[in-house]
C-alpha atoms as a PDB file:
ATOM      1  CA  MET A   1       0.000   0.000   0.000  1.00  0.00           C
ATOM      2  CA  THR A   2       1.399   3.403  -0.999  1.00  0.00           C
ATOM      3  CA  ASP A   3       1.573   6.369   1.374  1.00  0.00           C
ATOM      4  CA  LYS A   4      -1.293   8.007  -0.502  1.00  0.00           C
ATOM      5  CA  ASP A   5      -3.422   4.888  -0.289  1.00  0.00           C
ATOM      6  CA  ALA A   6      -2.771   4.729   3.438  1.00  0.00           C
ATOM      7  CA  ALA A   7      -3.708   8.414   3.832  1.00  0.00           C
ATOM      8  CA  VAL A   8      -6.937   7.934   1.884  1.00  0.00           C
ATOM      9  CA  LYS A   9      -7.793   4.978   4.116  1.00  0.00           C
ATOM     10  CA  GLN A  10      -7.179   7.095   7.238  1.00  0.00           C
ATOM     11  CA  VAL A  11      -9.302   9.953   5.899  1.00  0.00           C
ATOM     12  CA  ARG A  12     -12.147   7.563   5.084  1.00  0.00           C
ATOM     13  CA  ALA A  13     -11.924   6.055   8.563  1.00  0.00           C
ATOM     14  CA  ALA A  14     -12.078   9.502  10.191  1.00  0.00           C
ATOM     15  CA  LEU A  15     -15.108  10.465   8.104  1.00  0.00           C
ATOM     16  CA  GLU A  16     -16.822   7.151   8.845  1.00  0.00           C
ATOM     17  CA  PHE A  17     -16.246   7.551  12.583  1.00  0.00           C
ATOM     18  CA  ASP A  18     -18.034  10.924  12.770  1.00  0.00           C
ATOM     19  CA  THR A  19     -21.767  10.178  12.637  1.00  0.00           C
ATOM     20  CA  ARG A  20     -22.550  13.840  11.878  1.00  0.00           C
ATOM     21  CA  ILE A  21     -21.053  13.357   8.422  1.00  0.00           C
ATOM     22  CA  ASN A  22     -23.189  10.264   7.624  1.00  0.00           C
ATOM     23  CA  LEU A  23     -21.278   8.707   4.740  1.00  0.00           C
ATOM     24  CA  HIS A  24     -23.978   6.094   4.201  1.00  0.00           C
ATOM     25  CA  ARG A  25     -26.505   8.734   3.216  1.00  0.00           C
ATOM     26  CA  HIS A  26     -24.037  11.168   1.640  1.00  0.00           C
ATOM     27  CA  PRO A  27     -20.936   9.378   0.264  1.00  0.00           C
ATOM     28  CA  ILE A  28     -17.757  11.444  -0.076  1.00  0.00           C
ATOM     29  CA  GLN A  29     -15.147  10.658  -2.700  1.00  0.00           C
ATOM     30  CA  VAL A  30     -11.585  10.860  -1.352  1.00  0.00           C
ATOM     31  CA  THR A  31      -8.739  11.170  -3.876  1.00  0.00           C
ATOM     32  CA  PHE A  32      -5.349  12.860  -4.203  1.00  0.00           C
ATOM     33  CA  ASP A  33      -4.209  15.749  -6.379  1.00  0.00           C
ATOM     34  CA  ASN A  34      -0.410  15.979  -6.043  1.00  0.00           C
ATOM     35  CA  ASP A  35       0.128  16.150  -2.251  1.00  0.00           C
ATOM     36  CA  ALA A  36      -3.367  17.412  -1.396  1.00  0.00           C
ATOM     37  CA  VAL A  37      -6.351  15.253  -0.526  1.00  0.00           C
ATOM     38  CA  VAL A  38      -9.528  16.050  -2.486  1.00  0.00           C
ATOM     39  CA  LEU A  39     -12.978  15.698  -0.903  1.00  0.00           C
ATOM     40  CA  GLU A  40     -15.858  15.650  -3.368  1.00  0.00           C
ATOM     41  CA  GLY A  41     -19.556  14.967  -2.930  1.00  0.00           C
ATOM     42  CA  GLU A  42     -22.729  16.297  -1.374  1.00  0.00           C
ATOM     43  CA  VAL A  43     -23.094  16.453   2.410  1.00  0.00           C
ATOM     44  CA  ASP A  44     -26.050  17.018   4.699  1.00  0.00           C
ATOM     45  CA  SER A  45     -25.095  20.342   6.311  1.00  0.00           C
ATOM     46  CA  VAL A  46     -22.546  23.115   6.710  1.00  0.00           C
ATOM     47  CA  ALA A  47     -21.431  21.359   9.896  1.00  0.00           C
ATOM     48  CA  ALA A  48     -20.778  18.103   8.023  1.00  0.00           C
ATOM     49  CA  LYS A  49     -18.816  19.976   5.357  1.00  0.00           C
ATOM     50  CA  LYS A  50     -16.547  21.779   7.841  1.00  0.00           C
ATOM     51  CA  LEU A  51     -16.067  18.679   9.984  1.00  0.00           C
ATOM     52  CA  ALA A  52     -15.101  16.578   6.960  1.00  0.00           C
ATOM     53  CA  LEU A  53     -12.500  19.138   5.910  1.00  0.00           C
ATOM     54  CA  GLU A  54     -11.147  19.311   9.465  1.00  0.00           C
ATOM     55  CA  HIS A  55     -10.854  15.520   9.773  1.00  0.00           C
ATOM     56  CA  ALA A  56      -9.062  15.248   6.420  1.00  0.00           C
ATOM     57  CA  GLY A  57      -6.607  18.004   7.288  1.00  0.00           C
ATOM     58  CA  ALA A  58      -5.791  16.364  10.627  1.00  0.00           C
ATOM     59  CA  VAL A  59      -4.528  13.125   9.050  1.00  0.00           C
ATOM     60  CA  ARG A  60      -0.774  12.824   9.333  1.00  0.00           C
ATOM     61  CA  GLY A  61       1.041  13.469   6.078  1.00  0.00           C
ATOM     62  CA  ILE A  62      -1.763  15.477   4.481  1.00  0.00           C
ATOM     63  CA  ARG A  63      -0.303  18.745   3.192  1.00  0.00           C
ATOM     64  CA  GLY A  64      -3.513  20.319   1.956  1.00  0.00           C
ATOM     65  CA  VAL A  65      -7.226  19.721   1.460  1.00  0.00           C
ATOM     66  CA  VAL A  66      -9.102  20.597  -1.730  1.00  0.00           C
ATOM     67  CA  ASP A  67     -12.739  21.379  -0.936  1.00  0.00           C
ATOM     68  CA  ARG A  68     -15.199  20.171  -3.567  1.00  0.00           C
ATOM     69  CA  LEU A  69     -17.967  19.401  -1.100  1.00  0.00           C
ATOM     70  CA  ARG A  70     -21.453  20.810  -1.576  1.00  0.00           C
ATOM     71  CA  VAL A  71     -24.353  20.928   0.872  1.00  0.00           C
ATOM     72  CA  ALA A  72     -27.633  19.287  -0.120  1.00  0.00           C
ATOM     73  CA  PRO A  73     -30.213  22.128  -0.101  1.00  0.00           C
ATOM     74  CA  ALA A  74     -33.619  21.730   1.483  1.00  0.00           C
ATOM     75  CA  GLU A  75     -35.091  22.820  -1.847  1.00  0.00           C
ATOM     76  CA  ARG A  76     -33.545  22.862  -5.296  1.00  0.00           C
ATOM     77  CA  ARG A  77     -33.581  26.206  -7.083  1.00  0.00           C
ATOM     78  CA  GLY A  78     -32.137  27.648 -10.250  1.00  0.00           C
ATOM     79  CA  ASP A  79     -29.185  30.021 -10.058  1.00  0.00           C
ATOM     80  CA  GLY A  80     -31.287  33.038 -11.043  1.00  0.00           C
ATOM     81  CA  ALA A  81     -33.795  32.402  -8.259  1.00  0.00           C
ATOM     82  CA  ILE A  82     -30.985  31.965  -5.719  1.00  0.00           C
ATOM     83  CA  ARG A  83     -29.268  35.154  -6.891  1.00  0.00           C
ATOM     84  CA  ASP A  84     -32.462  37.237  -6.777  1.00  0.00           C
ATOM     85  CA  ALA A  85     -33.461  35.912  -3.343  1.00  0.00           C
ATOM     86  CA  LEU A  86     -30.063  36.736  -1.856  1.00  0.00           C
ATOM     87  CA  ALA A  87     -29.977  40.188  -3.464  1.00  0.00           C
ATOM     88  CA  ALA A  88     -33.397  40.968  -1.985  1.00  0.00           C
ATOM     89  CA  MET A  89     -32.317  39.718   1.445  1.00  0.00           C
ATOM     90  CA  LEU A  90     -29.135  41.813   1.388  1.00  0.00           C
ATOM     91  CA  ALA A  91     -31.076  44.899   0.318  1.00  0.00           C
ATOM     92  CA  SER A  92     -33.608  44.453   3.133  1.00  0.00           C
ATOM     93  CA  GLN A  93     -31.082  44.388   5.989  1.00  0.00           C
ATOM     94  CA  ARG A  94     -30.682  47.636   7.907  1.00  0.00           C
ATOM     95  CA  GLU A  95     -27.086  46.759   8.820  1.00  0.00           C
ATOM     96  CA  LEU A  96     -26.209  46.706   5.101  1.00  0.00           C
ATOM     97  CA  ALA A  97     -28.124  49.827   4.094  1.00  0.00           C
ATOM     98  CA  ASN A  98     -24.912  51.666   3.119  1.00  0.00           C
ATOM     99  CA  CYS A  99     -23.597  48.864   0.903  1.00  0.00           C
ATOM    100  CA  GLY A 100     -23.805  48.843  -2.864  1.00  0.00           C
ATOM    101  CA  ILE A 101     -25.091  45.572  -4.340  1.00  0.00           C
ATOM    102  CA  ARG A 102     -24.457  44.050  -7.759  1.00  0.00           C
ATOM    103  CA  VAL A 103     -25.350  40.603  -9.111  1.00  0.00           C
ATOM    104  CA  GLY A 104     -23.923  38.526 -11.916  1.00  0.00           C
ATOM    105  CA  ALA A 105     -26.158  38.892 -14.952  1.00  0.00           C
ATOM    106  CA  GLY A 106     -24.402  36.477 -17.316  1.00  0.00           C
ATOM    107  CA  ASN A 107     -21.676  36.955 -19.915  1.00  0.00           C
ATOM    108  CA  GLY A 108     -19.375  38.231 -17.178  1.00  0.00           C
ATOM    109  CA  THR A 109     -21.477  41.364 -16.599  1.00  0.00           C
ATOM    110  CA  LEU A 110     -22.775  42.755 -13.307  1.00  0.00           C
ATOM    111  CA  GLN A 111     -26.205  44.266 -12.791  1.00  0.00           C
ATOM    112  CA  ARG A 112     -26.570  47.060 -10.231  1.00  0.00           C
ATOM    113  CA  VAL A 113     -29.234  46.306  -7.602  1.00  0.00           C
ATOM    114  CA  ARG A 114     -28.462  49.273  -5.359  1.00  0.00           C
ATOM    115  CA  GLU A 115     -26.007  52.135  -5.554  1.00  0.00           C
ATOM    116  CA  ALA A 116     -23.924  52.782  -2.442  1.00  0.00           C
ATOM    117  CA  PRO A 117     -24.326  56.219  -0.794  1.00  0.00           C
ATOM    118  CA  ALA A 118     -21.428  58.631  -0.477  1.00  0.00           C
ATOM    119  CA  GLU A 119     -20.704  57.357   3.044  1.00  0.00           C
ATOM    120  CA  LYS A 120     -20.685  53.745   1.985  1.00  0.00           C
ATOM    121  CA  SER A 121     -19.799  50.721   4.099  1.00  0.00           C
ATOM    122  CA  GLY A 122     -19.045  48.408   1.211  1.00  0.00           C
ATOM    123  CA  ASP A 123     -19.704  47.060  -2.275  1.00  0.00           C
ATOM    124  CA  ILE A 124     -21.080  43.525  -2.583  1.00  0.00           C
ATOM    125  CA  ASP A 125     -20.940  41.457  -5.777  1.00  0.00           C
ATOM    126  CA  VAL A 126     -22.944  38.210  -5.920  1.00  0.00           C
ATOM    127  CA  HIS A 127     -22.430  35.374  -8.392  1.00  0.00           C
ATOM    128  CA  VAL A 128     -24.217  32.006  -8.421  1.00  0.00           C
ATOM    129  CA  ASP A 129     -23.068  28.941 -10.342  1.00  0.00           C
ATOM    130  CA  ASN A 130     -24.837  25.600  -9.901  1.00  0.00           C
ATOM    131  CA  GLY A 131     -26.056  26.632  -6.461  1.00  0.00           C
ATOM    132  CA  VAL A 132     -22.632  27.848  -5.295  1.00  0.00           C
ATOM    133  CA  ILE A 133     -22.738  31.468  -4.145  1.00  0.00           C
ATOM    134  CA  THR A 134     -19.572  33.516  -4.558  1.00  0.00           C
ATOM    135  CA  ILE A 135     -19.430  36.887  -2.793  1.00  0.00           C
ATOM    136  CA  GLU A 136     -16.801  39.415  -3.835  1.00  0.00           C
ATOM    137  CA  GLY A 137     -16.106  43.090  -3.236  1.00  0.00           C
ATOM    138  CA  SER A 138     -15.210  44.814   0.021  1.00  0.00           C
ATOM    139  CA  VAL A 139     -16.842  45.842   3.299  1.00  0.00           C
ATOM    140  CA  ILE A 140     -15.687  47.876   6.279  1.00  0.00           C
ATOM    141  CA  SER A 141     -15.689  45.160   8.944  1.00  0.00           C
ATOM    142  CA  LEU A 142     -15.345  41.445   9.597  1.00  0.00           C
ATOM    143  CA  SER A 143     -18.831  41.506  11.119  1.00  0.00           C
ATOM    144  CA  HIS A 144     -20.218  42.710   7.790  1.00  0.00           C
ATOM    145  CA  LYS A 145     -18.381  39.923   5.985  1.00  0.00           C
ATOM    146  CA  ARG A 146     -19.629  37.243   8.361  1.00  0.00           C
ATOM    147  CA  VAL A 147     -23.228  38.480   8.362  1.00  0.00           C
ATOM    148  CA  ILE A 148     -23.307  38.565   4.553  1.00  0.00           C
ATOM    149  CA  GLY A 149     -21.922  35.032   4.382  1.00  0.00           C
ATOM    150  CA  THR A 150     -24.611  33.785   6.760  1.00  0.00           C
ATOM    151  CA  LEU A 151     -27.336  35.458   4.695  1.00  0.00           C
ATOM    152  CA  ALA A 152     -25.960  33.561   1.701  1.00  0.00           C
ATOM    153  CA  TRP A 153     -26.251  30.281   3.607  1.00  0.00           C
ATOM    154  CA  TRP A 154     -29.840  31.194   4.524  1.00  0.00           C
ATOM    155  CA  THR A 155     -30.766  31.542   0.841  1.00  0.00           C
ATOM    156  CA  PRO A 156     -33.008  28.685  -0.380  1.00  0.00           C
ATOM    157  CA  GLY A 157     -31.176  26.502  -2.872  1.00  0.00           C
ATOM    158  CA  CYS A 158     -27.669  27.437  -1.684  1.00  0.00           C
ATOM    159  CA  ARG A 159     -25.190  24.543  -1.956  1.00  0.00           C
ATOM    160  CA  ASP A 160     -22.019  26.358  -0.881  1.00  0.00           C
ATOM    161  CA  VAL A 161     -20.718  29.834  -0.082  1.00  0.00           C
ATOM    162  CA  ILE A 162     -17.357  31.210  -1.187  1.00  0.00           C
ATOM    163  CA  ASN A 163     -16.919  34.386   0.842  1.00  0.00           C
ATOM    164  CA  SER A 164     -14.135  36.387  -0.822  1.00  0.00           C
ATOM    165  CA  LEU A 165     -15.086  39.788   0.584  1.00  0.00           C
ATOM    166  CA  GLU A 166     -12.109  41.949   1.498  1.00  0.00           C
ATOM    167  CA  ILE A 167     -12.000  44.157   4.591  1.00  0.00           C
ATOM    168  CA  ASP A 168     -11.166  47.796   3.870  1.00  0.00           C
ATOM    169  CA  PRO A 169      -9.457  49.068   5.939  1.00  0.00           C
ATOM    170  CA  PRO A 170      -7.934  45.777   7.175  1.00  0.00           C
ATOM    171  CA  GLU A 171      -9.104  44.597  10.594  1.00  0.00           C
ATOM    172  CA  ARG A 172      -7.562  42.158  13.072  1.00  0.00           C
ATOM    173  CA  ASP A 173      -9.675  39.035  13.517  1.00  0.00           C
ATOM    174  CA  GLY A 174     -10.255  37.100  16.722  1.00  0.00           C
ATOM    175  CA  ASP A 175     -12.761  35.428  19.000  1.00  0.00           C
ATOM    176  CA  GLU A 176     -14.441  38.691  20.028  1.00  0.00           C
ATOM    177  CA  GLU A 177     -15.148  39.491  16.383  1.00  0.00           C
ATOM    178  CA  VAL A 178     -16.786  36.072  15.947  1.00  0.00           C
ATOM    179  CA  ILE A 179     -18.996  36.659  19.000  1.00  0.00           C
ATOM    180  CA  GLU A 180     -19.966  40.120  17.751  1.00  0.00           C
ATOM    181  CA  ALA A 181     -20.929  38.780  14.327  1.00  0.00           C
ATOM    182  CA  LEU A 182     -22.931  35.852  15.718  1.00  0.00           C
ATOM    183  CA  THR A 183     -24.791  38.208  18.058  1.00  0.00           C
ATOM    184  CA  LEU A 184     -25.755  40.329  15.040  1.00  0.00           C
ATOM    185  CA  VAL A 185     -26.859  37.236  13.128  1.00  0.00           C
ATOM    186  CA  TYR A 186     -29.074  36.092  16.003  1.00  0.00           C
ATOM    187  CA  GLU A 187     -30.654  39.548  16.176  1.00  0.00           C
ATOM    188  CA  MET A 188     -31.460  39.283  12.458  1.00  0.00           C
ATOM    189  CA  ASP A 189     -32.771  35.711  12.630  1.00  0.00           C
ATOM    190  CA  PRO A 190     -36.510  35.588  13.442  1.00  0.00           C
ATOM    191  CA  MET A 191     -36.172  31.893  14.313  1.00  0.00           C
ATOM    192  CA  VAL A 192     -33.826  32.541  17.257  1.00  0.00           C
ATOM    193  CA  GLN A 193     -34.634  34.242  20.577  1.00  0.00           C
ATOM    194  CA  THR A 194     -31.325  35.927  21.298  1.00  0.00           C
ATOM    195  CA  ASP A 195     -31.778  36.856  24.950  1.00  0.00           C
ATOM    196  CA  LEU A 196     -31.867  33.192  26.012  1.00  0.00           C
ATOM    197  CA  ILE A 197     -28.619  32.140  24.318  1.00  0.00           C
ATOM    198  CA  ARG A 198     -25.062  32.765  25.548  1.00  0.00           C
ATOM    199  CA  VAL A 199     -22.138  32.644  23.132  1.00  0.00           C
ATOM    200  CA  ARG A 200     -18.490  31.928  23.921  1.00  0.00           C
ATOM    201  CA  CYS A 201     -15.629  31.550  21.470  1.00  0.00           C
ATOM    202  CA  ASP A 202     -12.121  30.208  21.994  1.00  0.00           C
ATOM    203  CA  GLN A 203      -9.736  29.899  19.037  1.00  0.00           C
ATOM    204  CA  TYR A 204     -12.680  30.003  16.614  1.00  0.00           C
ATOM    205  CA  VAL A 205     -14.519  27.226  18.454  1.00  0.00           C
ATOM    206  CA  VAL A 206     -17.994  28.508  19.341  1.00  0.00           C
ATOM    207  CA  THR A 207     -19.832  27.220  22.408  1.00  0.00           C
ATOM    208  CA  LEU A 208     -23.570  27.867  22.723  1.00  0.00           C
ATOM    209  CA  GLU A 209     -25.319  27.737  26.079  1.00  0.00           C
ATOM    210  CA  GLY A 210     -28.681  28.780  27.442  1.00  0.00           C
ATOM    211  CA  TYR A 211     -32.187  27.834  26.378  1.00  0.00           C
ATOM    212  CA  ALA A 212     -34.281  27.412  23.253  1.00  0.00           C
ATOM    213  CA  ARG A 213     -38.060  27.158  22.958  1.00  0.00           C
ATOM    214  CA  THR A 214     -37.934  24.210  20.545  1.00  0.00           C
ATOM    215  CA  GLU A 215     -35.487  21.679  19.140  1.00  0.00           C
ATOM    216  CA  GLN A 216     -35.777  23.481  15.798  1.00  0.00           C
ATOM    217  CA  GLU A 217     -34.637  26.748  17.393  1.00  0.00           C
ATOM    218  CA  LYS A 218     -31.701  24.974  19.040  1.00  0.00           C
ATOM    219  CA  GLN A 219     -30.600  23.521  15.712  1.00  0.00           C
ATOM    220  CA  ARG A 220     -31.083  26.853  13.933  1.00  0.00           C
ATOM    221  CA  ALA A 221     -28.848  28.606  16.465  1.00  0.00           C
ATOM    222  CA  GLU A 222     -26.162  25.985  15.804  1.00  0.00           C
ATOM    223  CA  PHE A 223     -26.563  26.311  12.028  1.00  0.00           C
ATOM    224  CA  ASP A 224     -26.064  30.085  12.268  1.00  0.00           C
ATOM    225  CA  ALA A 225     -22.826  29.552  14.197  1.00  0.00           C
ATOM    226  CA  TRP A 226     -21.489  26.992  11.717  1.00  0.00           C
ATOM    227  CA  SER A 227     -22.281  29.336   8.821  1.00  0.00           C
ATOM    228  CA  LEU A 228     -19.927  32.049  10.089  1.00  0.00           C
ATOM    229  CA  PHE A 229     -16.726  32.588   8.144  1.00  0.00           C
ATOM    230  CA  GLY A 230     -13.739  31.250  10.098  1.00  0.00           C
ATOM    231  CA  VAL A 231     -15.653  29.149  12.644  1.00  0.00           C
ATOM    232  CA  ASP A 232     -13.961  25.747  12.962  1.00  0.00           C
ATOM    233  CA  LYS A 233     -16.256  23.975  15.418  1.00  0.00           C
ATOM    234  CA  VAL A 234     -19.528  24.487  17.281  1.00  0.00           C
ATOM    235  CA  VAL A 235     -20.372  22.967  20.663  1.00  0.00           C
ATOM    236  CA  ASN A 236     -24.120  23.156  21.229  1.00  0.00           C
ATOM    237  CA  ARG A 237     -25.060  23.006  24.921  1.00  0.00           C
ATOM    238  CA  ILE A 238     -28.389  24.776  24.496  1.00  0.00           C
ATOM    239  CA  MET A 239     -31.206  23.138  26.441  1.00  0.00           C
ATOM    240  CA  VAL A 240     -34.767  23.010  25.112  1.00  0.00           C
ATOM    241  CA  ARG A 241     -37.172  24.488  27.630  1.00  0.00           C
ATOM    242  CA  THR A 242     -40.830  23.906  26.858  1.00  0.00           C
END
């Protein structure tokens, strides 16, 4: 058995061991491209996607991980419908009122949805290809970037989010920035009652504590945390209080 064969076997074993990934329902293809392991397939959730990438990267001898994983959407939609839904959601958020918004209109062109005011807080460009949302442009804070990425994950039909927004001027990242962004997301999410949930973050690992009214609210709070740019792991200790 070659070193690469052994590494593939170890990656498969790590993925099989984590029941949150559920390889029986959503098989993942594991191959090599030069010295990087390639994960390809459709997974059940953002959590499963991030966990699979983490497990693969932790295998000894792996020098890189190529992410070709997509999340199975709750409903299938065409790229135009996904693009228009996200553009409308971005335009409706008060926190993004000073951002210009453009969407990919085909043939490499961009269509202006909203012009940014003179005192702008960013320019957001949205492209959708086979359910994969790519966000480009720049915004003034990491919180803006993270909130926009979460809104993309909320969009019906979304299969993946590539958040390439730049921060202008540059801003130092850290656990406090993650907490600030997640707090904003919870305030925007009508499915989550923010005053009952406590958020901690340590080295980009988010821990959720407190109470939820239903199991669905508990899972939604976890989904929001997983959807944040840079979050590596979520520990959900929320209790359901009926």
